Amino acid sequence: MAVSVAGVMIVCAILLIATTIRLSAFSRRRETGIMRLVGASKMVIQLPFILEGVIAAVIGAALASGTLWAVAHFFLGGYLSKQYPDTAFISAGQTLILVPALIGLGVLLAGVSSLLTLRRYLRV
């Protein structure tokens, strides 16, 4: 059940990133038109949009990692471990192992979905 919920959340994240990048490209269509007229390459036009998505993903993943650590440290380690001593909960140290994977997955999803969205939207 958790894997299916995670899959739905990944699809939702990809759709949200794609919609945000599409709206960003639409609002900057005048600037991209000028860039096309002066002869900018396809990658030069797409790079600011991709970087915008990747930077937002890094910030979001860092906030999610901090929240995950805080919940594991204060709630799971402090409160629930005393209420249910026979249950093995994830520790705050183990959540730090997940941080690079969380940031990497966020960057990968944002980069790929931005690139695919811009490829369809910005016909250069």
N, C-alpha and C. Protein backbone atom coordinates (compact mmCIF):
# COMPACT_ATOMS: atom_id res chain seq x y z
N MET A 1 0.82 -1.19 0.00
CA MET A 1 0.00 0.00 0.00
C MET A 1 0.87 1.26 0.00
N ALA A 2 1.94 1.24 0.78
CA ALA A 2 2.82 2.40 0.85
C ALA A 2 3.52 2.65 -0.47
N VAL A 3 3.89 1.59 -1.18
CA VAL A 3 4.55 1.75 -2.47
C VAL A 3 3.59 2.35 -3.49
N SER A 4 2.34 1.95 -3.46
CA SER A 4 1.37 2.52 -4.40
C SER A 4 1.10 3.99 -4.10
N VAL A 5 1.04 4.35 -2.83
CA VAL A 5 0.87 5.77 -2.46
C VAL A 5 2.10 6.57 -2.90
N ALA A 6 3.29 6.00 -2.73
CA ALA A 6 4.51 6.68 -3.17
C ALA A 6 4.52 6.86 -4.68
N GLY A 7 4.06 5.87 -5.42
CA GLY A 7 3.98 6.00 -6.87
C GLY A 7 3.03 7.09 -7.31
N VAL A 8 1.88 7.18 -6.64
CA VAL A 8 0.92 8.24 -6.95
C VAL A 8 1.52 9.60 -6.64
N MET A 9 2.24 9.70 -5.54
CA MET A 9 2.88 10.96 -5.17
C MET A 9 3.96 11.37 -6.17
N ILE A 10 4.70 10.42 -6.71
CA ILE A 10 5.71 10.74 -7.72
C ILE A 10 5.05 11.24 -8.99
N VAL A 11 3.98 10.61 -9.40
CA VAL A 11 3.25 11.07 -10.59
C VAL A 11 2.70 12.47 -10.36
N CYS A 12 2.17 12.72 -9.18
CA CYS A 12 1.65 14.07 -8.86
C CYS A 12 2.77 15.10 -8.88
N ALA A 13 3.93 14.74 -8.36
CA ALA A 13 5.06 15.67 -8.36
C ALA A 13 5.51 15.98 -9.78
N ILE A 14 5.56 14.99 -10.64
CA ILE A 14 5.96 15.21 -12.03
C ILE A 14 4.96 16.12 -12.73
N LEU A 15 3.68 15.88 -12.53
CA LEU A 15 2.66 16.72 -13.16
C LEU A 15 2.70 18.14 -12.62
N LEU A 16 2.95 18.31 -11.34
CA LEU A 16 3.03 19.64 -10.76
C LEU A 16 4.24 20.40 -11.30
N ILE A 17 5.37 19.74 -11.41
CA ILE A 17 6.57 20.38 -11.96
C ILE A 17 6.35 20.75 -13.41
N ALA A 18 5.76 19.85 -14.18
CA ALA A 18 5.51 20.12 -15.59
C ALA A 18 4.58 21.32 -15.77
N THR A 19 3.54 21.39 -14.97
CA THR A 19 2.60 22.51 -15.07
C THR A 19 3.27 23.83 -14.67
N THR A 20 4.06 23.80 -13.62
CA THR A 20 4.75 25.01 -13.18
C THR A 20 5.74 25.50 -14.22
N ILE A 21 6.50 24.60 -14.81
CA ILE A 21 7.47 24.99 -15.83
C ILE A 21 6.75 25.51 -17.07
N ARG A 22 5.66 24.89 -17.43
CA ARG A 22 4.89 25.34 -18.59
C ARG A 22 4.34 26.75 -18.37
N LEU A 23 3.83 27.02 -17.17
CA LEU A 23 3.34 28.36 -16.86
C LEU A 23 4.47 29.38 -16.84
N SER A 24 5.61 28.98 -16.34
CA SER A 24 6.78 29.86 -16.32
C SER A 24 7.24 30.18 -17.74
N ALA A 25 7.26 29.19 -18.60
CA ALA A 25 7.66 29.41 -19.99
C ALA A 25 6.64 30.27 -20.71
N PHE A 26 5.37 30.08 -20.40
CA PHE A 26 4.33 30.88 -21.04
C PHE A 26 4.42 32.35 -20.62
N SER A 27 4.72 32.58 -19.34
CA SER A 27 4.81 33.96 -18.87
C SER A 27 6.06 34.66 -19.40
N ARG A 28 7.05 33.91 -19.81
CA ARG A 28 8.28 34.50 -20.34
C ARG A 28 8.41 34.30 -21.86
N ARG A 29 7.29 34.18 -22.53
CA ARG A 29 7.35 33.91 -23.97
C ARG A 29 7.95 35.07 -24.75
N ARG A 30 7.82 36.28 -24.26
CA ARG A 30 8.43 37.43 -24.95
C ARG A 30 9.96 37.33 -24.89
N GLU A 31 10.48 37.00 -23.71
CA GLU A 31 11.93 36.87 -23.56
C GLU A 31 12.48 35.72 -24.40
N THR A 32 11.76 34.60 -24.41
CA THR A 32 12.24 33.48 -25.22
C THR A 32 12.15 33.79 -26.71
N GLY A 33 11.15 34.57 -27.10
CA GLY A 33 11.06 35.00 -28.50
C GLY A 33 12.24 35.87 -28.89
N ILE A 34 12.64 36.77 -28.00
CA ILE A 34 13.80 37.61 -28.27
C ILE A 34 15.06 36.77 -28.35
N MET A 35 15.17 35.79 -27.45
CA MET A 35 16.34 34.91 -27.48
C MET A 35 16.41 34.13 -28.79
N ARG A 36 15.26 33.71 -29.30
CA ARG A 36 15.23 33.01 -30.59
C ARG A 36 15.67 33.92 -31.72
N LEU A 37 15.21 35.18 -31.67
CA LEU A 37 15.54 36.12 -32.74
C LEU A 37 17.03 36.46 -32.80
N VAL A 38 17.68 36.47 -31.65
CA VAL A 38 19.12 36.79 -31.66
C VAL A 38 19.97 35.55 -31.90
N GLY A 39 19.34 34.40 -32.05
CA GLY A 39 20.07 33.19 -32.44
C GLY A 39 20.54 32.33 -31.29
N ALA A 40 19.89 32.40 -30.15
CA ALA A 40 20.28 31.54 -29.03
C ALA A 40 19.93 30.09 -29.34
N SER A 41 20.79 29.21 -28.86
CA SER A 41 20.55 27.79 -29.12
C SER A 41 19.41 27.29 -28.24
N LYS A 42 18.95 26.11 -28.57
CA LYS A 42 17.84 25.50 -27.85
C LYS A 42 18.19 25.30 -26.37
N MET A 43 19.40 24.87 -26.11
CA MET A 43 19.81 24.61 -24.72
C MET A 43 19.93 25.90 -23.92
N VAL A 44 20.39 26.96 -24.55
CA VAL A 44 20.51 28.25 -23.86
C VAL A 44 19.13 28.78 -23.48
N ILE A 45 18.15 28.54 -24.29
CA ILE A 45 16.80 28.98 -23.99
C ILE A 45 16.18 28.11 -22.88
N GLN A 46 16.44 26.83 -22.91
CA GLN A 46 15.83 25.90 -21.95
C GLN A 46 16.53 25.89 -20.59
N LEU A 47 17.81 26.21 -20.55
CA LEU A 47 18.58 26.08 -19.32
C LEU A 47 18.03 26.87 -18.14
N PRO A 48 17.60 28.14 -18.29
CA PRO A 48 17.05 28.84 -17.11
C PRO A 48 15.80 28.17 -16.53
N PHE A 49 14.97 27.61 -17.38
CA PHE A 49 13.77 26.94 -16.90
C PHE A 49 14.12 25.64 -16.18
N ILE A 50 15.07 24.90 -16.71
CA ILE A 50 15.49 23.65 -16.07
C ILE A 50 16.15 23.95 -14.72
N LEU A 51 17.02 24.96 -14.69
CA LEU A 51 17.67 25.32 -13.44
C LEU A 51 16.67 25.81 -12.40
N GLU A 52 15.65 26.52 -12.83
CA GLU A 52 14.62 26.97 -11.91
C GLU A 52 13.93 25.78 -11.25
N GLY A 53 13.59 24.78 -12.03
CA GLY A 53 12.96 23.59 -11.48
C GLY A 53 13.88 22.80 -10.58
N VAL A 54 15.15 22.68 -10.96
CA VAL A 54 16.11 21.92 -10.16
C VAL A 54 16.40 22.62 -8.84
N ILE A 55 16.55 23.94 -8.86
CA ILE A 55 16.80 24.68 -7.62
C ILE A 55 15.61 24.57 -6.68
N ALA A 56 14.41 24.69 -7.23
CA ALA A 56 13.21 24.52 -6.40
C ALA A 56 13.14 23.11 -5.82
N ALA A 57 13.56 22.11 -6.59
CA ALA A 57 13.55 20.72 -6.10
C ALA A 57 14.58 20.53 -4.99
N VAL A 58 15.75 21.14 -5.11
CA VAL A 58 16.76 21.02 -4.06
C VAL A 58 16.27 21.67 -2.77
N ILE A 59 15.67 22.85 -2.88
CA ILE A 59 15.15 23.52 -1.69
C ILE A 59 14.03 22.69 -1.06
N GLY A 60 13.13 22.17 -1.88
CA GLY A 60 12.04 21.34 -1.37
C GLY A 60 12.55 20.05 -0.73
N ALA A 61 13.54 19.42 -1.34
CA ALA A 61 14.09 18.18 -0.78
C ALA A 61 14.83 18.47 0.53
N ALA A 62 15.50 19.61 0.62
CA ALA A 62 16.18 19.97 1.87
C ALA A 62 15.17 20.21 2.98
N LEU A 63 14.09 20.89 2.67
CA LEU A 63 13.03 21.10 3.67
C LEU A 63 12.38 19.79 4.08
N ALA A 64 12.14 18.91 3.11
CA ALA A 64 11.56 17.60 3.42
C ALA A 64 12.52 16.77 4.27
N SER A 65 13.80 16.84 3.98
CA SER A 65 14.78 16.09 4.77
C SER A 65 14.85 16.60 6.20
N GLY A 66 14.81 17.91 6.36
CA GLY A 66 14.81 18.48 7.71
C GLY A 66 13.57 18.08 8.49
N THR A 67 12.43 18.09 7.82
CA THR A 67 11.19 17.68 8.47
C THR A 67 11.22 16.20 8.83
N LEU A 68 11.74 15.38 7.94
CA LEU A 68 11.85 13.95 8.21
C LEU A 68 12.74 13.68 9.41
N TRP A 69 13.87 14.38 9.48
CA TRP A 69 14.77 14.20 10.62
C TRP A 69 14.10 14.65 11.91
N ALA A 70 13.40 15.80 11.88
CA ALA A 70 12.75 16.32 13.08
C ALA A 70 11.67 15.37 13.57
N VAL A 71 10.89 14.83 12.66
CA VAL A 71 9.84 13.87 13.06
C VAL A 71 10.46 12.62 13.64
N ALA A 72 11.53 12.12 13.02
CA ALA A 72 12.18 10.91 13.53
C ALA A 72 12.83 11.16 14.88
N HIS A 73 13.41 12.32 15.05
CA HIS A 73 14.12 12.62 16.30
C HIS A 73 13.16 12.91 17.46
N PHE A 74 12.22 13.82 17.23
CA PHE A 74 11.37 14.27 18.32
C PHE A 74 10.12 13.40 18.52
N PHE A 75 9.48 13.00 17.44
CA PHE A 75 8.22 12.25 17.58
C PHE A 75 8.45 10.76 17.71
N LEU A 76 9.19 10.19 16.75
CA LEU A 76 9.41 8.74 16.80
C LEU A 76 10.36 8.35 17.92
N GLY A 77 11.48 9.07 18.02
CA GLY A 77 12.48 8.73 19.03
C GLY A 77 12.08 9.15 20.43
N GLY A 78 11.35 10.24 20.54
CA GLY A 78 11.01 10.74 21.86
C GLY A 78 9.68 10.23 22.37
N TYR A 79 8.64 10.35 21.59
CA TYR A 79 7.30 10.05 22.08
C TYR A 79 6.87 8.61 21.81
N LEU A 80 6.89 8.19 20.56
CA LEU A 80 6.37 6.86 20.20
C LEU A 80 7.23 5.72 20.72
N SER A 81 8.54 5.92 20.80
CA SER A 81 9.39 4.83 21.29
C SER A 81 9.11 4.54 22.77
N LYS A 82 8.66 5.54 23.51
CA LYS A 82 8.28 5.30 24.91
C LYS A 82 6.89 4.67 25.02
N GLN A 83 6.02 5.00 24.11
CA GLN A 83 4.67 4.44 24.13
C GLN A 83 4.66 2.98 23.67
N TYR A 84 5.50 2.67 22.68
CA TYR A 84 5.57 1.32 22.11
C TYR A 84 7.02 0.84 22.14
N PRO A 85 7.50 0.37 23.27
CA PRO A 85 8.92 0.00 23.40
C PRO A 85 9.31 -1.24 22.59
N ASP A 86 8.38 -2.10 22.21
CA ASP A 86 8.71 -3.31 21.46
C ASP A 86 8.76 -3.09 19.95
N THR A 87 8.39 -1.90 19.50
CA THR A 87 8.35 -1.61 18.07
C THR A 87 9.64 -0.92 17.66
N ALA A 88 10.21 -1.36 16.55
CA ALA A 88 11.44 -0.75 16.04
C ALA A 88 11.07 0.39 15.09
N PHE A 89 11.42 1.61 15.49
CA PHE A 89 11.18 2.78 14.66
C PHE A 89 12.48 3.21 14.01
N ILE A 90 12.37 3.98 12.93
CA ILE A 90 13.55 4.51 12.27
C ILE A 90 14.16 5.60 13.16
N SER A 91 15.47 5.60 13.25
CA SER A 91 16.14 6.58 14.11
C SER A 91 16.47 7.84 13.31
N ALA A 92 16.84 8.88 14.03
CA ALA A 92 17.21 10.14 13.38
C ALA A 92 18.49 9.96 12.55
N GLY A 93 19.38 9.12 13.00
CA GLY A 93 20.61 8.85 12.24
C GLY A 93 20.33 8.12 10.93
N GLN A 94 19.36 7.25 10.95
CA GLN A 94 19.00 6.53 9.73
C GLN A 94 18.33 7.43 8.71
N THR A 95 17.65 8.47 9.18
CA THR A 95 17.03 9.40 8.23
C THR A 95 18.08 10.19 7.48
N LEU A 96 19.24 10.41 8.10
CA LEU A 96 20.31 11.15 7.41
C LEU A 96 20.88 10.35 6.24
N ILE A 97 20.72 9.04 6.27
CA ILE A 97 21.15 8.22 5.14
C ILE A 97 20.24 8.47 3.94
N LEU A 98 18.98 8.80 4.19
CA LEU A 98 18.01 9.03 3.12
C LEU A 98 18.15 10.40 2.45
N VAL A 99 18.83 11.33 3.10
CA VAL A 99 18.92 12.71 2.59
C VAL A 99 19.51 12.78 1.18
N PRO A 100 20.66 12.16 0.90
CA PRO A 100 21.19 12.25 -0.47
C PRO A 100 20.27 11.62 -1.51
N ALA A 101 19.62 10.53 -1.16
CA ALA A 101 18.70 9.89 -2.10
C ALA A 101 17.49 10.78 -2.36
N LEU A 102 16.99 11.44 -1.33
CA LEU A 102 15.84 12.33 -1.47
C LEU A 102 16.18 13.53 -2.34
N ILE A 103 17.34 14.12 -2.10
CA ILE A 103 17.75 15.27 -2.92
C ILE A 103 18.04 14.83 -4.35
N GLY A 104 18.70 13.71 -4.52
CA GLY A 104 19.00 13.21 -5.87
C GLY A 104 17.74 12.88 -6.65
N LEU A 105 16.78 12.24 -6.01
CA LEU A 105 15.52 11.92 -6.67
C LEU A 105 14.76 13.18 -7.04
N GLY A 106 14.77 14.17 -6.16
CA GLY A 106 14.11 15.44 -6.45
C GLY A 106 14.73 16.15 -7.65
N VAL A 107 16.05 16.18 -7.69
CA VAL A 107 16.75 16.82 -8.82
C VAL A 107 16.49 16.06 -10.11
N LEU A 108 16.52 14.75 -10.05
CA LEU A 108 16.27 13.94 -11.24
C LEU A 108 14.85 14.13 -11.77
N LEU A 109 13.87 14.07 -10.89
CA LEU A 109 12.48 14.25 -11.32
C LEU A 109 12.25 15.64 -11.89
N ALA A 110 12.80 16.66 -11.22
CA ALA A 110 12.60 18.03 -11.70
C ALA A 110 13.31 18.26 -13.02
N GLY A 111 14.53 17.77 -13.16
CA GLY A 111 15.27 17.96 -14.39
C GLY A 111 14.65 17.27 -15.59
N VAL A 112 14.26 16.03 -15.39
CA VAL A 112 13.68 15.26 -16.50
C VAL A 112 12.31 15.80 -16.90
N SER A 113 11.48 16.10 -15.90
CA SER A 113 10.15 16.60 -16.25
C SER A 113 10.23 18.00 -16.84
N SER A 114 11.16 18.83 -16.39
CA SER A 114 11.34 20.16 -16.99
C SER A 114 11.81 20.03 -18.43
N LEU A 115 12.76 19.15 -18.65
CA LEU A 115 13.30 18.97 -20.00
C LEU A 115 12.23 18.47 -20.96
N LEU A 116 11.45 17.49 -20.53
CA LEU A 116 10.40 16.95 -21.40
C LEU A 116 9.29 17.96 -21.64
N THR A 117 8.94 18.73 -20.62
CA THR A 117 7.91 19.75 -20.78
C THR A 117 8.36 20.84 -21.73
N LEU A 118 9.60 21.28 -21.56
CA LEU A 118 10.10 22.35 -22.42
C LEU A 118 10.33 21.88 -23.85
N ARG A 119 10.65 20.64 -24.00
CA ARG A 119 10.85 20.11 -25.35
C ARG A 119 9.56 20.20 -26.16
N ARG A 120 8.43 19.96 -25.50
CA ARG A 120 7.15 20.04 -26.18
C ARG A 120 6.66 21.48 -26.29
N TYR A 121 6.94 22.30 -25.26
CA TYR A 121 6.35 23.63 -25.22
C TYR A 121 7.17 24.65 -26.01
N LEU A 122 8.48 24.65 -25.82
CA LEU A 122 9.35 25.61 -26.52
C LEU A 122 9.83 24.98 -27.82
N ARG A 123 9.15 25.23 -28.87
CA ARG A 123 9.57 24.69 -30.16
C ARG A 123 10.59 25.64 -30.76
N VAL A 124 11.84 25.30 -30.57
CA VAL A 124 12.93 26.15 -31.04
C VAL A 124 13.52 25.55 -32.30
